[in-house]
Structures are given as structure tokens and as C-alpha cells.
Amino acid sequence: QVQLVEYGGGLVQPGGSLRLSCAASGTFFGVYAMSWYRQAPGQQRELVAAITSGGSTNYVDFVKGRFTISRDNAKNTVYLQMNSLKPEDTAVYYCKTPTGYWGKGTLVTVSS
């Protein structure tokens, strides 16, 4: 069974940075695309960024130029570097496999 564990969230001031990590179990990791989603209070879960097994990336418009997704297949880990954070980035951030496995999420709060 696949297990995903996100960490790295926390409280940060507007304009600050955080790096989220998602550690995956299993030997599948290197062949899968991986995605980061987020869910703000009272909102639906939404895609933030995705990365293919080969390292090609894709971002939604509201994070382009601020967030960077990357992966280290040797460590079975995908990252989300978040810069220039805004209060509207406050959400629980989740990673996801294309087969539908989710982690439990990590909370990011952007507030002064």
C-alpha cells in the first residue's frame, strides 16, 4: 500500500517562504507523476502543481513564478518550494499520486 506523508507546513508572514516535502513509501515513486493540491477553509480542493516522472512541471496560474515543484526519486520525495507567500495561500497542502493516493496534508498559514 502506498503511503504519503507531507511535512514542512507552518505559520509564515506574508512575503515569506516555506518548503513542503512529501515522502512516499514503495518502489513505484520514480515512475509516477506527482501532484500538490491545497484546500483552503470552506473551499474545494484544488490543484497547485504537478511534476512528471521525467521532471516536467506544470503550475496553475495563481502560483506561477512563486512556487516550484521538484522531486528526488532517490529519496522518494516530492517538494514544493513556496516563495512570496500571500494570505490567500493559507490552506492544507496535500500530495497525490495519479492512482489516487493522498497524504493527510500539512497546514500552511500565511498571516502577520
N, C-alpha and C. Protein backbone atom coordinates (compact mmCIF):
# COMPACT_ATOMS: atom_id res chain seq x y z
N GLN A 1 0.84 -1.19 0.00
CA GLN A 1 0.00 0.00 0.00
C GLN A 1 0.88 1.24 0.00
N VAL A 2 0.46 2.22 -0.76
CA VAL A 2 1.21 3.47 -0.86
C VAL A 2 0.88 4.36 0.33
N GLN A 3 1.90 4.95 0.91
CA GLN A 3 1.69 5.94 1.97
C GLN A 3 2.43 7.22 1.60
N LEU A 4 1.73 8.33 1.78
CA LEU A 4 2.31 9.64 1.52
C LEU A 4 2.26 10.45 2.81
N VAL A 5 3.35 11.08 3.16
CA VAL A 5 3.41 11.90 4.36
C VAL A 5 3.97 13.28 3.99
N GLU A 6 3.13 14.29 4.18
CA GLU A 6 3.55 15.65 3.92
C GLU A 6 4.06 16.30 5.20
N TYR A 7 5.04 17.16 5.07
CA TYR A 7 5.51 17.94 6.22
C TYR A 7 6.16 19.21 5.71
N GLY A 8 6.42 20.12 6.67
CA GLY A 8 7.04 21.39 6.32
C GLY A 8 6.13 22.59 6.42
N GLY A 9 4.85 22.37 6.71
CA GLY A 9 3.94 23.47 6.87
C GLY A 9 4.20 24.25 8.15
N GLY A 10 3.48 25.36 8.29
CA GLY A 10 3.63 26.17 9.48
C GLY A 10 3.08 27.55 9.27
N LEU A 11 3.39 28.42 10.21
CA LEU A 11 2.95 29.81 10.16
C LEU A 11 4.08 30.66 9.56
N VAL A 12 3.75 31.46 8.58
CA VAL A 12 4.73 32.32 7.94
C VAL A 12 4.09 33.66 7.65
N GLN A 13 4.90 34.71 7.67
CA GLN A 13 4.38 36.04 7.38
C GLN A 13 4.21 36.23 5.87
N PRO A 14 3.34 37.11 5.47
CA PRO A 14 3.22 37.42 4.04
C PRO A 14 4.57 37.82 3.46
N GLY A 15 4.85 37.31 2.28
CA GLY A 15 6.13 37.54 1.63
C GLY A 15 7.19 36.51 1.99
N GLY A 16 6.90 35.67 2.94
CA GLY A 16 7.85 34.66 3.37
C GLY A 16 7.85 33.42 2.50
N SER A 17 8.64 32.44 2.92
CA SER A 17 8.82 31.21 2.14
C SER A 17 8.69 29.99 3.04
N LEU A 18 8.27 28.90 2.43
CA LEU A 18 8.24 27.59 3.07
C LEU A 18 8.58 26.55 2.01
N ARG A 19 9.16 25.45 2.45
CA ARG A 19 9.34 24.31 1.56
C ARG A 19 8.62 23.10 2.14
N LEU A 20 7.66 22.62 1.39
CA LEU A 20 6.93 21.42 1.77
C LEU A 20 7.59 20.19 1.16
N SER A 21 7.50 19.10 1.89
CA SER A 21 8.01 17.82 1.41
C SER A 21 6.91 16.78 1.49
N CYS A 22 6.95 15.84 0.58
CA CYS A 22 6.03 14.71 0.59
C CYS A 22 6.86 13.45 0.41
N ALA A 23 6.93 12.66 1.46
CA ALA A 23 7.70 11.42 1.41
C ALA A 23 6.77 10.26 1.09
N ALA A 24 7.16 9.46 0.11
CA ALA A 24 6.31 8.37 -0.36
C ALA A 24 6.95 7.03 -0.07
N SER A 25 6.11 6.08 0.31
CA SER A 25 6.60 4.72 0.51
C SER A 25 6.49 3.96 -0.81
N GLY A 26 7.15 2.83 -0.90
CA GLY A 26 7.00 1.97 -2.06
C GLY A 26 8.06 2.22 -3.11
N THR A 27 8.16 1.31 -4.04
CA THR A 27 9.17 1.39 -5.08
C THR A 27 8.64 1.98 -6.37
N PHE A 28 7.38 2.42 -6.35
CA PHE A 28 6.74 2.96 -7.53
C PHE A 28 7.17 4.37 -7.88
N PHE A 29 7.73 5.06 -6.91
CA PHE A 29 7.76 6.52 -6.94
C PHE A 29 8.36 7.07 -8.23
N GLY A 30 9.45 6.49 -8.65
CA GLY A 30 10.17 7.06 -9.78
C GLY A 30 9.42 7.05 -11.10
N VAL A 31 8.41 6.21 -11.21
CA VAL A 31 7.69 6.12 -12.48
C VAL A 31 6.41 6.94 -12.49
N TYR A 32 6.07 7.54 -11.37
CA TYR A 32 4.81 8.26 -11.26
C TYR A 32 4.99 9.76 -11.37
N ALA A 33 4.04 10.38 -12.03
CA ALA A 33 3.86 11.82 -11.85
C ALA A 33 3.33 12.04 -10.45
N MET A 34 3.62 13.20 -9.90
CA MET A 34 3.13 13.54 -8.57
C MET A 34 2.54 14.95 -8.61
N SER A 35 1.58 15.19 -7.73
CA SER A 35 0.91 16.48 -7.72
C SER A 35 0.80 17.02 -6.30
N TRP A 36 0.75 18.33 -6.21
CA TRP A 36 0.39 19.02 -4.97
C TRP A 36 -0.97 19.68 -5.16
N TYR A 37 -1.82 19.52 -4.16
CA TYR A 37 -3.12 20.17 -4.12
C TYR A 37 -3.19 20.98 -2.82
N ARG A 38 -4.19 21.83 -2.75
CA ARG A 38 -4.45 22.52 -1.50
C ARG A 38 -5.95 22.70 -1.30
N GLN A 39 -6.31 22.85 -0.04
CA GLN A 39 -7.71 23.10 0.30
C GLN A 39 -7.77 24.16 1.38
N ALA A 40 -8.31 25.30 1.01
CA ALA A 40 -8.50 26.39 1.96
C ALA A 40 -9.80 26.17 2.74
N PRO A 41 -9.92 26.79 3.90
CA PRO A 41 -11.14 26.61 4.70
C PRO A 41 -12.39 26.97 3.90
N GLY A 42 -13.33 26.07 3.87
CA GLY A 42 -14.58 26.33 3.17
C GLY A 42 -14.51 26.24 1.67
N GLN A 43 -13.36 25.84 1.15
CA GLN A 43 -13.18 25.77 -0.30
C GLN A 43 -12.95 24.34 -0.76
N GLN A 44 -13.11 24.13 -2.06
CA GLN A 44 -12.81 22.82 -2.62
C GLN A 44 -11.30 22.63 -2.77
N ARG A 45 -10.90 21.39 -2.78
CA ARG A 45 -9.50 21.08 -3.00
C ARG A 45 -9.15 21.42 -4.45
N GLU A 46 -7.98 22.04 -4.63
CA GLU A 46 -7.59 22.47 -5.97
C GLU A 46 -6.15 22.10 -6.26
N LEU A 47 -5.89 21.85 -7.53
CA LEU A 47 -4.54 21.53 -7.97
C LEU A 47 -3.65 22.76 -7.88
N VAL A 48 -2.42 22.54 -7.44
CA VAL A 48 -1.45 23.62 -7.36
C VAL A 48 -0.34 23.43 -8.40
N ALA A 49 0.25 22.23 -8.41
CA ALA A 49 1.38 21.97 -9.31
C ALA A 49 1.52 20.47 -9.51
N ALA A 50 2.17 20.10 -10.60
CA ALA A 50 2.40 18.69 -10.90
C ALA A 50 3.76 18.53 -11.54
N ILE A 51 4.31 17.32 -11.38
CA ILE A 51 5.62 17.02 -11.97
C ILE A 51 5.59 15.60 -12.49
N THR A 52 6.09 15.42 -13.71
CA THR A 52 6.12 14.08 -14.30
C THR A 52 7.30 13.29 -13.75
N SER A 53 7.35 12.01 -14.10
CA SER A 53 8.47 11.19 -13.67
C SER A 53 9.79 11.71 -14.23
N GLY A 54 9.74 12.36 -15.38
CA GLY A 54 10.94 12.90 -16.00
C GLY A 54 11.31 14.30 -15.56
N GLY A 55 10.44 14.90 -14.73
CA GLY A 55 10.76 16.21 -14.19
C GLY A 55 10.09 17.39 -14.87
N SER A 56 9.23 17.14 -15.84
CA SER A 56 8.49 18.24 -16.44
C SER A 56 7.45 18.73 -15.44
N THR A 57 7.27 20.05 -15.40
CA THR A 57 6.40 20.63 -14.38
C THR A 57 5.25 21.42 -15.00
N ASN A 58 4.22 21.58 -14.19
CA ASN A 58 3.05 22.34 -14.61
C ASN A 58 2.48 23.03 -13.37
N TYR A 59 2.03 24.27 -13.54
CA TYR A 59 1.54 25.07 -12.43
C TYR A 59 0.23 25.73 -12.79
N VAL A 60 -0.60 25.93 -11.78
CA VAL A 60 -1.78 26.75 -12.00
C VAL A 60 -1.35 28.21 -11.98
N ASP A 61 -2.16 29.05 -12.59
CA ASP A 61 -1.76 30.44 -12.80
C ASP A 61 -1.45 31.18 -11.50
N PHE A 62 -2.22 30.89 -10.45
CA PHE A 62 -2.07 31.71 -9.25
C PHE A 62 -0.80 31.40 -8.46
N VAL A 63 -0.01 30.42 -8.87
CA VAL A 63 1.26 30.16 -8.19
C VAL A 63 2.46 30.28 -9.14
N LYS A 64 2.21 30.49 -10.39
CA LYS A 64 3.32 30.61 -11.35
C LYS A 64 4.26 31.74 -10.95
N GLY A 65 5.53 31.43 -10.98
CA GLY A 65 6.54 32.41 -10.62
C GLY A 65 6.81 32.50 -9.13
N ARG A 66 5.97 31.85 -8.31
CA ARG A 66 6.17 31.89 -6.86
C ARG A 66 6.49 30.50 -6.29
N PHE A 67 5.88 29.48 -6.82
CA PHE A 67 6.04 28.11 -6.31
C PHE A 67 6.87 27.30 -7.31
N THR A 68 7.64 26.36 -6.77
CA THR A 68 8.42 25.45 -7.60
C THR A 68 8.26 24.02 -7.08
N ILE A 69 7.82 23.13 -7.97
CA ILE A 69 7.72 21.72 -7.61
C ILE A 69 8.97 21.01 -8.11
N SER A 70 9.46 20.08 -7.32
CA SER A 70 10.64 19.30 -7.71
C SER A 70 10.54 17.93 -7.06
N ARG A 71 11.43 17.03 -7.46
CA ARG A 71 11.40 15.69 -6.90
C ARG A 71 12.80 15.13 -6.79
N ASP A 72 12.96 14.24 -5.85
CA ASP A 72 14.20 13.48 -5.69
C ASP A 72 13.80 12.02 -5.67
N ASN A 73 13.94 11.34 -6.78
CA ASN A 73 13.49 9.95 -6.87
C ASN A 73 14.30 9.03 -5.97
N ALA A 74 15.55 9.36 -5.70
CA ALA A 74 16.37 8.54 -4.82
C ALA A 74 15.84 8.57 -3.39
N LYS A 75 15.17 9.67 -3.04
CA LYS A 75 14.62 9.81 -1.69
C LYS A 75 13.12 9.60 -1.66
N ASN A 76 12.52 9.23 -2.80
CA ASN A 76 11.06 9.06 -2.86
C ASN A 76 10.32 10.28 -2.31
N THR A 77 10.77 11.45 -2.68
CA THR A 77 10.21 12.67 -2.11
C THR A 77 9.95 13.70 -3.21
N VAL A 78 8.83 14.36 -3.07
CA VAL A 78 8.49 15.49 -3.93
C VAL A 78 8.40 16.73 -3.04
N TYR A 79 8.82 17.85 -3.58
CA TYR A 79 8.91 19.09 -2.82
C TYR A 79 8.03 20.17 -3.45
N LEU A 80 7.67 21.14 -2.63
CA LEU A 80 7.01 22.34 -3.13
C LEU A 80 7.65 23.53 -2.42
N GLN A 81 8.49 24.25 -3.16
CA GLN A 81 9.09 25.47 -2.64
C GLN A 81 8.11 26.61 -2.89
N MET A 82 7.73 27.29 -1.82
CA MET A 82 6.73 28.35 -1.92
C MET A 82 7.37 29.66 -1.48
N ASN A 83 7.44 30.60 -2.39
CA ASN A 83 8.01 31.92 -2.11
C ASN A 83 6.94 32.99 -2.26
N SER A 84 7.24 34.17 -1.75
CA SER A 84 6.31 35.31 -1.86
C SER A 84 4.90 34.91 -1.44
N LEU A 85 4.80 34.26 -0.32
CA LEU A 85 3.51 33.74 0.13
C LEU A 85 2.55 34.87 0.46
N LYS A 86 1.27 34.60 0.18
CA LYS A 86 0.20 35.55 0.41
C LYS A 86 -0.81 34.95 1.39
N PRO A 87 -1.58 35.77 2.06
CA PRO A 87 -2.60 35.23 2.97
C PRO A 87 -3.55 34.26 2.27
N GLU A 88 -3.83 34.49 1.01
CA GLU A 88 -4.73 33.60 0.27
C GLU A 88 -4.11 32.24 -0.05
N ASP A 89 -2.82 32.07 0.25
CA ASP A 89 -2.19 30.76 0.11
C ASP A 89 -2.44 29.88 1.33
N THR A 90 -3.07 30.43 2.35
CA THR A 90 -3.38 29.65 3.54
C THR A 90 -4.29 28.49 3.19
N ALA A 91 -3.85 27.28 3.53
CA ALA A 91 -4.59 26.07 3.17
C ALA A 91 -3.87 24.86 3.74
N VAL A 92 -4.56 23.73 3.69
CA VAL A 92 -3.89 22.45 3.91
C VAL A 92 -3.39 21.97 2.56
N TYR A 93 -2.13 21.62 2.50
CA TYR A 93 -1.49 21.18 1.26
C TYR A 93 -1.31 19.67 1.29
N TYR A 94 -1.71 19.05 0.17
CA TYR A 94 -1.67 17.60 0.05
C TYR A 94 -0.85 17.20 -1.17
N CYS A 95 -0.20 16.05 -1.07
CA CYS A 95 0.36 15.48 -2.29
C CYS A 95 -0.49 14.28 -2.70
N LYS A 96 -0.38 13.94 -3.96
CA LYS A 96 -1.26 12.93 -4.54
C LYS A 96 -0.54 12.17 -5.64
N THR A 97 -0.81 10.87 -5.72
CA THR A 97 -0.31 10.07 -6.83
C THR A 97 -1.38 10.01 -7.92
N PRO A 98 -1.02 9.68 -9.14
CA PRO A 98 -2.02 9.57 -10.20
C PRO A 98 -2.98 8.41 -9.99
N THR A 99 -2.63 7.49 -9.09
CA THR A 99 -3.52 6.37 -8.81
C THR A 99 -4.50 6.69 -7.70
N GLY A 100 -4.47 7.91 -7.20
CA GLY A 100 -5.49 8.34 -6.25
C GLY A 100 -5.13 8.27 -4.79
N TYR A 101 -3.87 8.02 -4.47
CA TYR A 101 -3.46 8.04 -3.06
C TYR A 101 -3.18 9.49 -2.64
N TRP A 102 -3.64 9.81 -1.43
CA TRP A 102 -3.45 11.13 -0.84
C TRP A 102 -2.71 10.99 0.48
N GLY A 103 -1.93 12.04 0.82
CA GLY A 103 -1.44 12.14 2.17
C GLY A 103 -2.48 12.81 3.05
N LYS A 104 -2.14 13.01 4.31
CA LYS A 104 -3.08 13.64 5.25
C LYS A 104 -2.95 15.14 5.24
N GLY A 105 -1.94 15.67 4.58
CA GLY A 105 -1.81 17.11 4.42
C GLY A 105 -0.96 17.78 5.48
N THR A 106 -0.53 18.97 5.15
CA THR A 106 0.22 19.82 6.09
C THR A 106 -0.32 21.23 5.97
N LEU A 107 -0.56 21.86 7.11
CA LEU A 107 -1.23 23.16 7.14
C LEU A 107 -0.21 24.29 6.95
N VAL A 108 -0.54 25.16 6.02
CA VAL A 108 0.24 26.38 5.80
C VAL A 108 -0.64 27.57 6.14
N THR A 109 -0.17 28.41 7.04
CA THR A 109 -0.89 29.61 7.44
C THR A 109 -0.02 30.81 7.14
N VAL A 110 -0.54 31.71 6.32
CA VAL A 110 0.19 32.92 5.97
C VAL A 110 -0.54 34.09 6.63
N SER A 111 0.12 34.67 7.61
CA SER A 111 -0.52 35.71 8.39
C SER A 111 0.52 36.54 9.11
N SER A 112 0.20 37.82 9.29
CA SER A 112 1.09 38.68 10.06
C SER A 112 0.65 38.73 11.52
